[in-house]
PDB file of N, CA and C in Angstrom:
ATOM      1  N   MET A   1    -256.373  52.852  -6.388  1.00  0.00           N
ATOM      2  CA  MET A   1    -255.539  51.704  -6.043  1.00  0.00           C
ATOM      3  C   MET A   1    -254.180  52.200  -5.547  1.00  0.00           C
ATOM      4  N   ILE A   2    -253.657  51.459  -4.579  1.00  0.00           N
ATOM      5  CA  ILE A   2    -252.285  51.668  -4.123  1.00  0.00           C
ATOM      6  C   ILE A   2    -251.583  50.346  -4.381  1.00  0.00           C
ATOM      7  N   GLY A   3    -250.692  50.328  -5.344  1.00  0.00           N
ATOM      8  CA  GLY A   3    -250.087  49.073  -5.755  1.00  0.00           C
ATOM      9  C   GLY A   3    -251.145  48.171  -6.377  1.00  0.00           C
ATOM     10  N   GLU A   4    -250.955  46.878  -6.239  1.00  0.00           N
ATOM     11  CA  GLU A   4    -251.894  45.929  -6.831  1.00  0.00           C
ATOM     12  C   GLU A   4    -252.905  45.383  -5.840  1.00  0.00           C
ATOM     13  N   HIS A   5    -252.660  45.569  -4.540  1.00  0.00           N
ATOM     14  CA  HIS A   5    -253.473  44.862  -3.560  1.00  0.00           C
ATOM     15  C   HIS A   5    -254.257  45.749  -2.607  1.00  0.00           C
ATOM     16  N   ILE A   6    -254.050  47.040  -2.628  1.00  0.00           N
ATOM     17  CA  ILE A   6    -254.738  47.936  -1.700  1.00  0.00           C
ATOM     18  C   ILE A   6    -255.673  48.837  -2.498  1.00  0.00           C
ATOM     19  N   GLU A   7    -256.927  48.867  -2.072  1.00  0.00           N
ATOM     20  CA  GLU A   7    -257.934  49.645  -2.787  1.00  0.00           C
ATOM     21  C   GLU A   7    -258.584  50.644  -1.839  1.00  0.00           C
ATOM     22  N   LEU A   8    -258.649  51.903  -2.247  1.00  0.00           N
ATOM     23  CA  LEU A   8    -259.377  52.927  -1.505  1.00  0.00           C
ATOM     24  C   LEU A   8    -260.793  52.995  -2.069  1.00  0.00           C
ATOM     25  N   VAL A   9    -261.788  53.016  -1.171  1.00  0.00           N
ATOM     26  CA  VAL A   9    -263.178  52.986  -1.592  1.00  0.00           C
ATOM     27  C   VAL A   9    -263.907  54.171  -0.971  1.00  0.00           C
ATOM     28  N   VAL A  10    -264.623  54.948  -1.768  1.00  0.00           N
ATOM     29  CA  VAL A  10    -265.445  56.038  -1.239  1.00  0.00           C
ATOM     30  C   VAL A  10    -266.713  55.414  -0.678  1.00  0.00           C
ATOM     31  N   LEU A  11    -266.915  55.561   0.641  1.00  0.00           N
ATOM     32  CA  LEU A  11    -268.071  54.961   1.301  1.00  0.00           C
ATOM     33  C   LEU A  11    -269.267  55.889   1.342  1.00  0.00           C
ATOM     34  N   ASP A  12    -268.987  57.201   1.486  1.00  0.00           N
ATOM     35  CA  ASP A  12    -270.093  58.140   1.648  1.00  0.00           C
ATOM     36  C   ASP A  12    -269.602  59.555   1.355  1.00  0.00           C
ATOM     37  N   VAL A  13    -270.478  60.370   0.815  1.00  0.00           N
ATOM     38  CA  VAL A  13    -270.183  61.786   0.593  1.00  0.00           C
ATOM     39  C   VAL A  13    -271.340  62.583   1.169  1.00  0.00           C
ATOM     40  N   GLU A  14    -271.039  63.463   2.133  1.00  0.00           N
ATOM     41  CA  GLU A  14    -272.046  64.353   2.719  1.00  0.00           C
ATOM     42  C   GLU A  14    -271.463  65.758   2.728  1.00  0.00           C
ATOM     43  N   GLY A  15    -271.908  66.601   1.847  1.00  0.00           N
ATOM     44  CA  GLY A  15    -271.386  67.954   1.754  1.00  0.00           C
ATOM     45  C   GLY A  15    -269.907  67.914   1.420  1.00  0.00           C
ATOM     46  N   GLU A  16    -269.093  68.481   2.307  1.00  0.00           N
ATOM     47  CA  GLU A  16    -267.647  68.491   2.086  1.00  0.00           C
ATOM     48  C   GLU A  16    -266.933  67.347   2.808  1.00  0.00           C
ATOM     49  N   THR A  17    -267.705  66.417   3.367  1.00  0.00           N
ATOM     50  CA  THR A  17    -267.128  65.292   4.101  1.00  0.00           C
ATOM     51  C   THR A  17    -267.198  64.029   3.251  1.00  0.00           C
ATOM     52  N   ILE A  18    -266.080  63.350   3.139  1.00  0.00           N
ATOM     53  CA  ILE A  18    -266.003  62.112   2.375  1.00  0.00           C
ATOM     54  C   ILE A  18    -265.479  61.018   3.310  1.00  0.00           C
ATOM     55  N   ARG A  19    -266.206  59.899   3.393  1.00  0.00           N
ATOM     56  CA  ARG A  19    -265.753  58.736   4.161  1.00  0.00           C
ATOM     57  C   ARG A  19    -265.085  57.766   3.199  1.00  0.00           C
ATOM     58  N   ILE A  20    -263.874  57.367   3.560  1.00  0.00           N
ATOM     59  CA  ILE A  20    -263.093  56.486   2.695  1.00  0.00           C
ATOM     60  C   ILE A  20    -262.827  55.176   3.438  1.00  0.00           C
ATOM     61  N   GLY A  21    -262.986  54.061   2.747  1.00  0.00           N
ATOM     62  CA  GLY A  21    -262.639  52.749   3.287  1.00  0.00           C
ATOM     63  C   GLY A  21    -261.402  52.221   2.589  1.00  0.00           C
ATOM     64  N   ILE A  22    -260.760  51.265   3.218  1.00  0.00           N
ATOM     65  CA  ILE A  22    -259.550  50.678   2.654  1.00  0.00           C
ATOM     66  C   ILE A  22    -259.720  49.162   2.609  1.00  0.00           C
ATOM     67  N   LYS A  23    -259.546  48.594   1.433  1.00  0.00           N
ATOM     68  CA  LYS A  23    -259.553  47.140   1.274  1.00  0.00           C
ATOM     69  C   LYS A  23    -258.115  46.705   1.063  1.00  0.00           C
ATOM     70  N   ALA A  24    -257.649  45.831   1.961  1.00  0.00           N
ATOM     71  CA  ALA A  24    -256.269  45.350   1.872  1.00  0.00           C
ATOM     72  C   ALA A  24    -256.210  43.920   2.390  1.00  0.00           C
ATOM     73  N   PRO A  25    -255.244  43.149   1.926  1.00  0.00           N
ATOM     74  CA  PRO A  25    -255.078  41.792   2.463  1.00  0.00           C
ATOM     75  C   PRO A  25    -254.816  41.849   3.964  1.00  0.00           C
ATOM     76  N   LYS A  26    -255.200  40.800   4.674  1.00  0.00           N
ATOM     77  CA  LYS A  26    -255.068  40.786   6.133  1.00  0.00           C
ATOM     78  C   LYS A  26    -253.625  40.922   6.613  1.00  0.00           C
ATOM     79  N   HIS A  27    -252.655  40.500   5.806  1.00  0.00           N
ATOM     80  CA  HIS A  27    -251.258  40.574   6.253  1.00  0.00           C
ATOM     81  C   HIS A  27    -250.685  41.990   6.150  1.00  0.00           C
ATOM     82  N   ILE A  28    -251.433  42.919   5.565  1.00  0.00           N
ATOM     83  CA  ILE A  28    -250.992  44.312   5.470  1.00  0.00           C
ATOM     84  C   ILE A  28    -251.695  45.111   6.566  1.00  0.00           C
ATOM     85  N   GLU A  29    -250.900  45.711   7.453  1.00  0.00           N
ATOM     86  CA  GLU A  29    -251.474  46.498   8.540  1.00  0.00           C
ATOM     87  C   GLU A  29    -251.891  47.869   8.020  1.00  0.00           C
ATOM     88  N   VAL A  30    -253.091  48.291   8.396  1.00  0.00           N
ATOM     89  CA  VAL A  30    -253.605  49.608   8.018  1.00  0.00           C
ATOM     90  C   VAL A  30    -254.065  50.286   9.304  1.00  0.00           C
ATOM     91  N   HIS A  31    -253.488  51.450   9.600  1.00  0.00           N
ATOM     92  CA  HIS A  31    -253.831  52.189  10.816  1.00  0.00           C
ATOM     93  C   HIS A  31    -254.045  53.655  10.490  1.00  0.00           C
ATOM     94  N   ARG A  32    -254.880  54.311  11.298  1.00  0.00           N
ATOM     95  CA  ARG A  32    -254.959  55.769  11.217  1.00  0.00           C
ATOM     96  C   ARG A  32    -253.611  56.320  11.687  1.00  0.00           C
ATOM     97  N   LYS A  33    -253.269  57.519  11.238  1.00  0.00           N
ATOM     98  CA  LYS A  33    -251.945  58.085  11.519  1.00  0.00           C
ATOM     99  C   LYS A  33    -251.666  58.153  13.019  1.00  0.00           C
ATOM    100  N   GLU A  34    -252.632  58.614  13.822  1.00  0.00           N
ATOM    101  CA  GLU A  34    -252.375  58.765  15.257  1.00  0.00           C
ATOM    102  C   GLU A  34    -252.134  57.404  15.925  1.00  0.00           C
ATOM    103  N   ILE A  35    -252.800  56.369  15.450  1.00  0.00           N
ATOM    104  CA  ILE A  35    -252.576  55.031  15.985  1.00  0.00           C
ATOM    105  C   ILE A  35    -251.196  54.524  15.563  1.00  0.00           C
ATOM    106  N   TYR A  36    -250.838  54.746  14.314  1.00  0.00           N
ATOM    107  CA  TYR A  36    -249.526  54.348  13.797  1.00  0.00           C
ATOM    108  C   TYR A  36    -248.414  55.013  14.620  1.00  0.00           C
ATOM    109  N   LEU A  37    -248.555  56.301  14.907  1.00  0.00           N
ATOM    110  CA  LEU A  37    -247.537  57.011  15.681  1.00  0.00           C
ATOM    111  C   LEU A  37    -247.441  56.466  17.102  1.00  0.00           C
ATOM    112  N   GLN A  38    -248.585  56.101  17.706  1.00  0.00           N
ATOM    113  CA  GLN A  38    -248.566  55.500  19.044  1.00  0.00           C
ATOM    114  C   GLN A  38    -247.833  54.161  19.027  1.00  0.00           C
ATOM    115  N   ILE A  39    -248.054  53.373  18.001  1.00  0.00           N
ATOM    116  CA  ILE A  39    -247.373  52.086  17.870  1.00  0.00           C
ATOM    117  C   ILE A  39    -245.868  52.302  17.742  1.00  0.00           C
ATOM    118  N   GLN A  40    -245.468  53.287  16.933  1.00  0.00           N
ATOM    119  CA  GLN A  40    -244.044  53.583  16.760  1.00  0.00           C
ATOM    120  C   GLN A  40    -243.407  53.998  18.085  1.00  0.00           C
ATOM    121  N   GLU A  41    -244.094  54.854  18.856  1.00  0.00           N
ATOM    122  CA  GLU A  41    -243.566  55.294  20.150  1.00  0.00           C
ATOM    123  C   GLU A  41    -243.459  54.128  21.120  1.00  0.00           C
ATOM    124  N   ALA A  42    -244.455  53.250  21.132  1.00  0.00           N
ATOM    125  CA  ALA A  42    -244.420  52.081  22.013  1.00  0.00           C
ATOM    126  C   ALA A  42    -243.255  51.171  21.632  1.00  0.00           C
ATOM    127  N   ASN A  43    -243.007  51.011  20.353  1.00  0.00           N
ATOM    128  CA  ASN A  43    -241.887  50.183  19.899  1.00  0.00           C
ATOM    129  C   ASN A  43    -240.550  50.788  20.318  1.00  0.00           C
ATOM    130  N   LYS A  44    -240.433  52.109  20.209  1.00  0.00           N
ATOM    131  CA  LYS A  44    -239.191  52.774  20.633  1.00  0.00           C
ATOM    132  C   LYS A  44    -238.975  52.596  22.129  1.00  0.00           C
ATOM    133  N   ALA A  45    -240.044  52.755  22.913  1.00  0.00           N
ATOM    134  CA  ALA A  45    -239.938  52.601  24.363  1.00  0.00           C
ATOM    135  C   ALA A  45    -239.529  51.172  24.716  1.00  0.00           C
ATOM    136  N   ALA A  46    -240.084  50.203  24.034  1.00  0.00           N
ATOM    137  CA  ALA A  46    -239.745  48.807  24.295  1.00  0.00           C
ATOM    138  C   ALA A  46    -238.281  48.540  23.952  1.00  0.00           C
ATOM    139  N   GLN A  47    -237.790  49.110  22.873  1.00  0.00           N
ATOM    140  CA  GLN A  47    -236.387  48.920  22.488  1.00  0.00           C
ATOM    141  C   GLN A  47    -235.460  49.524  23.531  1.00  0.00           C
ATOM    142  N   SER A  48    -235.779  50.707  24.040  1.00  0.00           N
ATOM    143  CA  SER A  48    -234.905  51.335  25.024  1.00  0.00           C
ATOM    144  C   SER A  48    -234.958  50.571  26.340  1.00  0.00           C
ATOM    145  N   THR A  49    -236.101  49.993  26.693  1.00  0.00           N
ATOM    146  CA  THR A  49    -236.208  49.188  27.906  1.00  0.00           C
ATOM    147  C   THR A  49    -235.358  47.936  27.778  1.00  0.00           C
ATOM    148  N   ILE A  50    -235.414  47.295  26.642  1.00  0.00           N
ATOM    149  CA  ILE A  50    -234.605  46.103  26.407  1.00  0.00           C
ATOM    150  C   ILE A  50    -233.128  46.465  26.497  1.00  0.00           C
ATOM    151  N   GLY A  51    -232.742  47.604  25.953  1.00  0.00           N
ATOM    152  CA  GLY A  51    -231.358  48.045  26.007  1.00  0.00           C
ATOM    153  C   GLY A  51    -230.883  48.245  27.431  1.00  0.00           C
ATOM    154  N   ILE A  52    -231.707  48.822  28.284  1.00  0.00           N
ATOM    155  CA  ILE A  52    -231.350  49.045  29.679  1.00  0.00           C
ATOM    156  C   ILE A  52    -231.197  47.716  30.404  1.00  0.00           C
ATOM    157  N   MET A  53    -232.116  46.782  30.145  1.00  0.00           N
ATOM    158  CA  MET A  53    -232.033  45.475  30.792  1.00  0.00           C
ATOM    159  C   MET A  53    -230.756  44.750  30.366  1.00  0.00           C
ATOM    160  N   ASP A  54    -230.405  44.858  29.099  1.00  0.00           N
ATOM    161  CA  ASP A  54    -229.164  44.236  28.624  1.00  0.00           C
ATOM    162  C   ASP A  54    -227.960  44.859  29.325  1.00  0.00           C
ATOM    163  N   LEU A  55    -227.970  46.165  29.473  1.00  0.00           N
ATOM    164  CA  LEU A  55    -226.867  46.862  30.140  1.00  0.00           C
ATOM    165  C   LEU A  55    -226.751  46.403  31.585  1.00  0.00           C
ATOM    166  N   ILE A  56    -227.867  46.240  32.272  1.00  0.00           N
ATOM    167  CA  ILE A  56    -227.848  45.770  33.660  1.00  0.00           C
ATOM    168  C   ILE A  56    -227.239  44.367  33.736  1.00  0.00           C
ATOM    169  N   LYS A  57    -227.600  43.506  32.784  1.00  0.00           N
ATOM    170  CA  LYS A  57    -227.038  42.153  32.763  1.00  0.00           C
ATOM    171  C   LYS A  57    -225.530  42.190  32.538  1.00  0.00           C
ATOM    172  N   ILE A  58    -225.074  43.052  31.650  1.00  0.00           N
ATOM    173  CA  ILE A  58    -223.643  43.166  31.350  1.00  0.00           C
ATOM    174  C   ILE A  58    -222.881  43.640  32.581  1.00  0.00           C
ATOM    175  N   VAL A  59    -223.415  44.665  33.251  1.00  0.00           N
ATOM    176  CA  VAL A  59    -222.758  45.182  34.453  1.00  0.00           C
ATOM    177  C   VAL A  59    -222.710  44.095  35.522  1.00  0.00           C
ATOM    178  N   GLY A  60    -223.790  43.344  35.662  1.00  0.00           N
ATOM    179  CA  GLY A  60    -223.814  42.247  36.634  1.00  0.00           C
ATOM    180  C   GLY A  60    -222.775  41.193  36.313  1.00  0.00           C
ATOM    181  N   ALA A  61    -222.644  40.837  35.036  1.00  0.00           N
ATOM    182  CA  ALA A  61    -221.666  39.833  34.618  1.00  0.00           C
ATOM    183  C   ALA A  61    -220.244  40.325  34.878  1.00  0.00           C
ATOM    184  N   ILE A  62    -219.980  41.600  34.627  1.00  0.00           N
ATOM    185  CA  ILE A  62    -218.641  42.168  34.874  1.00  0.00           C
ATOM    186  C   ILE A  62    -218.333  42.128  36.370  1.00  0.00           C
ATOM    187  N   LYS A  63    -219.300  42.504  37.194  1.00  0.00           N
ATOM    188  CA  LYS A  63    -219.090  42.472  38.654  1.00  0.00           C
ATOM    189  C   LYS A  63    -218.818  41.043  39.115  1.00  0.00           C
ATOM    190  N   LYS A  64    -219.559  40.076  38.564  1.00  0.00           N
ATOM    191  CA  LYS A  64    -219.375  38.676  38.947  1.00  0.00           C
ATOM    192  C   LYS A  64    -217.971  38.192  38.581  1.00  0.00           C
ATOM    193  N   GLN A  65    -217.501  38.548  37.380  1.00  0.00           N
ATOM    194  CA  GLN A  65    -216.152  38.167  36.956  1.00  0.00           C
ATOM    195  C   GLN A  65    -215.106  38.801  37.872  1.00  0.00           C
ATOM    196  N   LYS A  66    -215.343  40.052  38.206  1.00  0.00           N
ATOM    197  CA  LYS A  66    -214.399  40.778  39.063  1.00  0.00           C
ATOM    198  C   LYS A  66    -214.347  40.136  40.445  1.00  0.00           C
ATOM    199  N   ASP A  67    -215.516  39.773  40.989  1.00  0.00           N
ATOM    200  CA  ASP A  67    -215.573  39.121  42.317  1.00  0.00           C
ATOM    201  C   ASP A  67    -214.891  37.762  42.278  1.00  0.00           C
ATOM    202  N   ASN A  68    -215.073  37.007  41.194  1.00  0.00           N
ATOM    203  CA  ASN A  68    -214.451  35.690  41.070  1.00  0.00           C
ATOM    204  C   ASN A  68    -212.943  35.790  40.920  1.00  0.00           C
ATOM    205  N   ALA A  69    -212.479  36.880  40.321  1.00  0.00           N
ATOM    206  CA  ALA A  69    -211.032  37.064  40.122  1.00  0.00           C
ATOM    207  C   ALA A  69    -210.333  37.411  41.422  1.00  0.00           C
ATOM    208  N   GLU A  70    -211.055  37.979  42.369  1.00  0.00           N
ATOM    209  CA  GLU A  70    -210.424  38.416  43.635  1.00  0.00           C
ATOM    210  C   GLU A  70    -210.326  37.317  44.571  1.00  0.00           C
TER     211      GLU A  70
END
């Protein structure tokens, strides 16, 4: 058990290979490590893209104010 709601289950044993299943409530995300890392990288990329778009909007707003002042 991991906490009160996540259960690790041995599904199969063949020689030195063990298959493990995970029982968890649907609201708890469970991913293999490589998938989890891909999700983290995608989230970082999305955050940096949003940051660039915000910066472009700010620069545009500053230029507009400057043009209106002249």
